[in-house]
Structure formats: structure tokens, C-alpha cells
Amino acid sequence: MSRARWLAEELGPPLAGVVGLIAIWAIVAAVTDSAAIPSPSVVWSAFLDGIRDGSLPDAAIKTLIRLAFSFVVAVVSGTALGLALALNGFARRAIRPIVVALQITPFVAWVPLAVIWFGATERAVVFVAIVGSFPSMALATLQAIRQVPPLYERAGRTLGARGWSLYRKVIVPAALPGVMAGLQQAWGFAWKALMAGELIVAAAHAGLGHLLDPRRGASVPTLFAALAVIVVIGVAVDYLLFGQLDRRIRRRRGLLVET
């Protein structure tokens, strides 16, 4: 497959969807003629103003730094916990309900406690992002390992794999697609939790979430521009990073049919 064809097949449908959405948005803005729904051109002008004055790039960099740290901590701790629960039946029965409870707790419910524990600081925002994402990583890792067919384990033992070697060479590689799905889910949770923390915690100045705070007195087009940047970054990371990793894993396992 040529590079041009690959790009057309990969980027064509998403771009078509974006163009359709912008067209519908423009029609709705023209029909309503309300200041609460600015047109795409007005939002684009607000976006360019944010680029020129540096507010959007500075906010994006600040947010991505927070995200990188909190996501790495959530992935490492969640994967380790999920693996530990998979290895120990008693711990799984005792701890898994707690992890499930953490997962279903709304992100914003942690913000007041985070502020009390850490103050209105960067640590409070990062804590919300971590606690909002690591339970999904732990549960996905646990589920992926438990869904590995027992035949794989028996085959590994027959070939001489024992203990950690069995998990490292057989079980974990077999569970990798499920772990990858958990990684994508954890990324989404981390991104949303981080936005909630930045929006509510006053100390999270210069973050993208902070730009959405209506108390700043920002105009509606500016709020739309900040929201658009949040959406674009979230989709880009999910599609360009995790989407490509997922495709590579499925291709290596013969689960992706290339035409």
C-alpha cells in the first residue's frame, strides 16, 4: 500500500467527520444567531488570539507536563496492582472491590479531599488525575491476565517455564492486547480527571482546564477555543499514539487484516 493511500484511508474518514461537524456547527450558529453559540470563524479568531498572546501554548504545555507525570504513575501502579491481584486469589477477593469502588467514584468527588490533603497546589491536581485513572489500569490488567486461555499456561509449563518466567514469557505477552485496551481507557480517565482538577483547583493556573473556568470572565469564543484544544489533544494522543500501538500489536498477532 502506498503512503498516499495509507494516509487517505487513515485520515480521510476522521477529517470527513470533523468537516461535517464544523458544517453542522456553522449552520446551528447561523440559525440561532446567539452569542452563546459563536460561529467556527469567530472561535478560530479567538484561537489565533490565544496563540499570539501565548495563553494557549503555555496552558497546553503546563497541562501536558502534569498529565505525563500522573499518567506514568497511574500506569505503573495500576499495572503492578493488577498483576499482584492476578497472582493472589485472596488479595484479589479482598482488594478488587475497593479498586472497583475507586473506579466508579466521580473524578470531582476527589477534588475537595485533594485540596484538604495537599492544599490548593499542583499536588492536588496531580493526585486527582492519578486516582482517577489508576483503578481502570489495575482492573484492565487483572482482567486481561485472567482471560488468557489456560492452555497457554499449560503449554508454557510443559516447555519448562515456571514462576515469574512463566508470566514474563507466556502470560503477560498473551494478555498484552487487553492491557493495551486498559492503557487507552486509563489515558481517557487521566485526561478527564486532570481537566476536572485544573478547572476546580485555583492553584492550577495556566492549565487548559483553568482556561474553562467561567470565573475568569473569558468570552464564549475563548472558552470554545480552549475546549477545542482539549479535544484535539485528547483525540490526537489517543489516535496517533495508542491507536498506532494497538494496530501494531494486533498486526503482530495476525488480528489485523491488511488490504
Protein backbone atom coordinates (compact mmCIF):
# COMPACT_ATOMS: atom_id res chain seq x y z
CA MET A 1 0.00 0.00 0.00
CA SER A 2 1.38 3.39 -0.99
CA ARG A 3 1.98 6.08 1.61
CA ALA A 4 -0.57 8.39 0.00
CA ARG A 5 -3.25 5.70 0.01
CA TRP A 6 -2.50 4.83 3.60
CA LEU A 7 -2.84 8.47 4.64
CA ALA A 8 -6.10 8.78 2.72
CA GLU A 9 -7.56 5.69 4.36
CA GLU A 10 -6.32 6.62 7.81
CA LEU A 11 -7.05 10.34 7.85
CA GLY A 12 -9.86 10.60 5.31
CA PRO A 13 -12.76 9.33 7.46
CA PRO A 14 -11.77 11.32 10.60
CA LEU A 15 -11.31 14.51 8.57
CA ALA A 16 -14.66 13.95 6.87
CA GLY A 17 -16.29 13.64 10.27
CA VAL A 18 -14.62 16.84 11.50
CA VAL A 19 -15.69 18.75 8.39
CA GLY A 20 -19.25 17.52 8.81
CA LEU A 21 -19.28 18.55 12.46
CA ILE A 22 -17.97 22.03 11.65
CA ALA A 23 -20.60 22.39 8.92
CA ILE A 24 -23.40 21.48 11.34
CA TRP A 25 -21.90 23.82 13.93
CA ALA A 26 -21.83 26.70 11.41
CA ILE A 27 -25.46 26.07 10.45
CA VAL A 28 -26.61 25.96 14.09
CA ALA A 29 -24.68 29.17 14.87
CA ALA A 30 -26.21 30.92 11.86
CA VAL A 31 -29.75 29.78 12.66
CA THR A 32 -29.67 30.60 16.36
CA ASP A 33 -27.67 33.82 15.93
CA SER A 34 -26.84 33.71 19.65
CA ALA A 35 -23.74 34.94 21.44
CA ALA A 36 -23.77 31.67 23.38
CA ILE A 37 -23.02 29.72 20.18
CA PRO A 38 -20.30 31.53 18.24
CA SER A 39 -19.55 30.57 14.66
CA PRO A 40 -16.48 28.49 13.77
CA SER A 41 -14.82 31.55 12.23
CA VAL A 42 -15.22 33.55 15.44
CA VAL A 43 -13.79 30.67 17.50
CA TRP A 44 -10.91 30.35 15.05
CA SER A 45 -10.12 34.04 15.56
CA ALA A 46 -10.17 33.51 19.34
CA PHE A 47 -7.87 30.53 18.89
CA LEU A 48 -5.39 32.60 16.88
CA ASP A 49 -5.50 35.33 19.55
CA GLY A 50 -4.71 32.71 22.19
CA ILE A 51 -1.75 31.50 20.13
CA ARG A 52 -0.44 35.02 19.61
CA ASP A 53 -0.62 36.04 23.26
CA GLY A 54 0.83 32.67 24.34
CA SER A 55 -2.02 31.72 26.67
CA LEU A 56 -3.00 28.53 24.81
CA PRO A 57 0.54 27.17 24.24
CA ASP A 58 1.54 27.90 27.84
CA ALA A 59 -1.61 26.24 29.15
CA ALA A 60 -1.13 23.21 26.92
CA ILE A 61 2.49 22.72 28.00
CA LYS A 62 1.59 23.04 31.67
CA THR A 63 -1.24 20.53 31.32
CA LEU A 64 0.83 18.01 29.35
CA ILE A 65 3.57 18.08 31.97
CA ARG A 66 1.04 17.30 34.68
CA LEU A 67 -0.51 14.63 32.51
CA ALA A 68 2.78 12.90 31.72
CA PHE A 69 3.72 12.57 35.39
CA SER A 70 0.30 11.49 36.65
CA PHE A 71 -0.28 9.05 33.77
CA VAL A 72 3.07 7.32 34.25
CA VAL A 73 2.42 6.93 37.98
CA ALA A 74 -1.10 5.62 37.31
CA VAL A 75 0.07 3.11 34.70
CA VAL A 76 2.97 1.78 36.77
CA SER A 77 0.98 1.48 39.99
CA GLY A 78 -2.15 0.16 38.26
CA THR A 79 -0.26 -2.48 36.28
CA ALA A 80 1.65 -3.63 39.34
CA LEU A 81 -1.54 -3.87 41.40
CA GLY A 82 -3.41 -5.70 38.65
CA LEU A 83 -0.58 -8.21 38.30
CA ALA A 84 -0.43 -8.73 42.05
CA LEU A 85 -4.17 -9.34 42.24
CA ALA A 86 -3.95 -11.83 39.38
CA LEU A 87 -1.24 -13.78 41.21
CA ASN A 88 -3.00 -13.92 44.59
CA GLY A 89 -6.58 -15.12 44.88
CA PHE A 90 -7.11 -13.89 48.45
CA ALA A 91 -5.79 -10.43 47.63
CA ARG A 92 -7.98 -10.36 44.53
CA ARG A 93 -11.14 -11.10 46.50
CA ALA A 94 -10.19 -8.63 49.24
CA ILE A 95 -8.88 -5.69 47.22
CA ARG A 96 -10.70 -5.83 43.89
CA PRO A 97 -13.99 -4.45 45.32
CA ILE A 98 -12.06 -1.48 46.70
CA VAL A 99 -10.47 -0.82 43.32
CA VAL A 100 -13.89 -1.05 41.66
CA ALA A 101 -15.24 1.46 44.18
CA LEU A 102 -12.40 3.82 43.32
CA GLN A 103 -13.11 3.45 39.63
CA ILE A 104 -16.80 4.30 39.86
CA THR A 105 -16.21 7.31 42.13
CA PRO A 106 -16.63 10.54 40.09
CA PHE A 107 -13.41 12.48 39.49
CA VAL A 108 -14.73 15.70 41.02
CA ALA A 109 -15.54 13.89 44.28
CA TRP A 110 -11.79 13.64 44.94
CA VAL A 111 -11.10 17.34 44.43
CA PRO A 112 -12.26 18.56 47.89
CA LEU A 113 -10.26 15.84 49.67
CA ALA A 114 -7.23 16.51 47.48
CA VAL A 115 -7.35 20.19 48.42
CA ILE A 116 -7.66 19.32 52.12
CA TRP A 117 -4.79 16.83 51.98
CA PHE A 118 -2.41 18.70 49.70
CA GLY A 119 -3.74 22.24 49.70
CA ALA A 120 -4.71 24.12 46.54
CA THR A 121 -1.46 23.09 44.87
CA GLU A 122 -0.10 21.20 41.89
CA ARG A 123 -0.02 18.06 44.01
CA ALA A 124 -3.80 18.19 44.47
CA VAL A 125 -4.37 18.35 40.72
CA VAL A 126 -1.93 15.52 40.01
CA PHE A 127 -3.47 13.39 42.77
CA VAL A 128 -6.93 13.73 41.18
CA ALA A 129 -5.54 12.63 37.82
CA ILE A 130 -3.77 9.62 39.34
CA VAL A 131 -6.65 8.38 41.46
CA GLY A 132 -8.98 8.91 38.52
CA SER A 133 -7.03 6.68 36.16
CA PHE A 134 -5.03 4.02 38.01
CA PRO A 135 -8.07 1.87 39.05
CA SER A 136 -9.02 1.29 35.41
CA MET A 137 -5.43 0.26 34.62
CA ALA A 138 -5.39 -2.16 37.55
CA LEU A 139 -8.72 -3.75 36.63
CA ALA A 140 -7.83 -3.99 32.94
CA THR A 141 -4.52 -5.70 33.75
CA LEU A 142 -6.23 -8.12 36.11
CA GLN A 143 -8.95 -8.93 33.60
CA ALA A 144 -6.52 -9.33 30.70
CA ILE A 145 -4.37 -11.81 32.61
CA ARG A 146 -7.36 -13.81 33.84
CA GLN A 147 -8.69 -14.07 30.28
CA VAL A 148 -5.54 -15.76 28.98
CA PRO A 149 -6.58 -19.32 27.95
CA PRO A 150 -5.37 -21.95 30.46
CA LEU A 151 -3.92 -23.86 27.52
CA TYR A 152 -1.20 -21.20 27.22
CA GLU A 153 -0.17 -21.73 30.83
CA ARG A 154 -0.14 -25.50 30.48
CA ALA A 155 1.91 -25.24 27.28
CA GLY A 156 4.38 -22.91 29.00
CA ARG A 157 4.79 -25.29 31.93
CA THR A 158 5.29 -28.18 29.56
CA LEU A 159 8.13 -26.24 27.93
CA GLY A 160 9.74 -25.65 31.31
CA ALA A 161 8.51 -22.14 32.22
CA ARG A 162 7.87 -21.71 35.93
CA GLY A 163 7.05 -18.88 38.33
CA TRP A 164 7.81 -15.38 37.12
CA SER A 165 9.38 -16.76 33.95
CA LEU A 166 6.01 -18.24 33.01
CA TYR A 167 4.30 -14.89 33.44
CA ARG A 168 7.04 -12.91 31.72
CA LYS A 169 7.33 -15.15 28.67
CA VAL A 170 3.80 -16.55 28.29
CA ILE A 171 1.02 -14.98 30.35
CA VAL A 172 1.88 -11.28 30.08
CA PRO A 173 2.55 -11.36 26.31
CA ALA A 174 -0.74 -13.18 25.80
CA ALA A 175 -2.55 -10.56 27.91
CA LEU A 176 -0.94 -7.63 26.09
CA PRO A 177 -3.97 -6.72 23.89
CA GLY A 178 -6.17 -6.45 26.97
CA VAL A 179 -3.53 -4.44 28.81
CA MET A 180 -3.33 -2.13 25.79
CA ALA A 181 -7.08 -1.57 25.94
CA GLY A 182 -6.73 -0.71 29.62
CA LEU A 183 -3.95 1.73 28.77
CA GLN A 184 -6.23 3.58 26.36
CA GLN A 185 -9.02 3.66 28.92
CA ALA A 186 -6.68 4.87 31.65
CA TRP A 187 -5.46 7.65 29.36
CA GLY A 188 -9.02 8.85 28.82
CA PHE A 189 -9.75 8.82 32.54
CA ALA A 190 -6.49 10.62 33.34
CA TRP A 191 -7.23 13.33 30.78
CA LYS A 192 -10.76 13.95 32.05
CA ALA A 193 -9.72 13.84 35.71
CA LEU A 194 -6.90 16.29 35.05
CA MET A 195 -9.29 18.72 33.36
CA ALA A 196 -11.65 18.49 36.34
CA GLY A 197 -8.80 19.16 38.76
CA GLU A 198 -7.47 22.11 36.79
CA LEU A 199 -10.93 23.59 36.44
CA ILE A 200 -11.73 23.49 40.13
CA VAL A 201 -8.39 23.96 41.90
CA ALA A 202 -7.47 27.63 41.77
CA ALA A 203 -3.74 26.92 42.02
CA ALA A 204 -3.83 25.12 38.65
CA HIS A 205 -3.29 28.36 36.79
CA ALA A 206 -2.09 28.28 33.20
CA GLY A 207 -3.63 24.85 32.59
CA LEU A 208 -6.13 24.13 29.85
CA GLY A 209 -8.76 23.21 32.42
CA HIS A 210 -8.23 26.54 34.14
CA LEU A 211 -8.99 28.34 30.86
CA LEU A 212 -12.50 26.87 31.03
CA ASP A 213 -13.20 28.47 34.40
CA PRO A 214 -16.11 30.91 33.84
CA ARG A 215 -14.93 32.92 36.84
CA ARG A 216 -12.05 34.21 34.73
CA GLY A 217 -14.51 36.24 32.70
CA ALA A 218 -13.32 34.81 29.39
CA SER A 219 -15.51 35.28 26.33
CA VAL A 220 -17.56 32.43 24.91
CA PRO A 221 -15.35 32.14 21.77
CA THR A 222 -12.29 31.89 24.03
CA LEU A 223 -13.95 29.10 26.01
CA PHE A 224 -14.80 27.30 22.78
CA ALA A 225 -11.21 27.69 21.57
CA ALA A 226 -9.83 26.22 24.82
CA LEU A 227 -12.33 23.36 24.63
CA ALA A 228 -11.32 22.68 21.03
CA VAL A 229 -7.64 22.47 22.03
CA ILE A 230 -8.52 20.00 24.81
CA VAL A 231 -10.48 17.82 22.39
CA VAL A 232 -7.82 17.93 19.68
CA ILE A 233 -5.01 16.97 22.08
CA GLY A 234 -7.06 14.16 23.57
CA VAL A 235 -8.02 12.71 20.19
CA ALA A 236 -4.53 13.15 18.75
CA VAL A 237 -2.84 11.29 21.61
CA ASP A 238 -5.41 8.51 21.55
CA TYR A 239 -5.27 8.09 17.77
CA LEU A 240 -1.62 8.74 16.98
CA LEU A 241 -0.06 7.04 20.00
CA PHE A 242 -2.34 4.43 21.49
CA GLY A 243 -4.18 3.72 18.24
CA GLN A 244 -0.94 3.00 16.40
CA LEU A 245 0.40 0.86 19.25
CA ASP A 246 -2.82 -1.13 19.24
CA ARG A 247 -2.60 -1.63 15.48
CA ARG A 248 1.00 -2.79 15.76
CA ILE A 249 0.15 -5.32 18.46
CA ARG A 250 -2.83 -6.67 16.51
CA ARG A 251 -0.78 -6.85 13.32
CA ARG A 252 1.96 -8.86 15.02
CA ARG A 253 -0.66 -11.29 16.33
CA GLY A 254 -2.39 -11.66 12.96
CA LEU A 255 -5.54 -9.92 14.21
CA LEU A 256 -5.39 -7.10 11.67
CA VAL A 257 -6.21 -7.82 8.05
CA GLU A 258 -4.32 -5.51 5.68
CA THR A 259 -5.87 -4.80 2.28
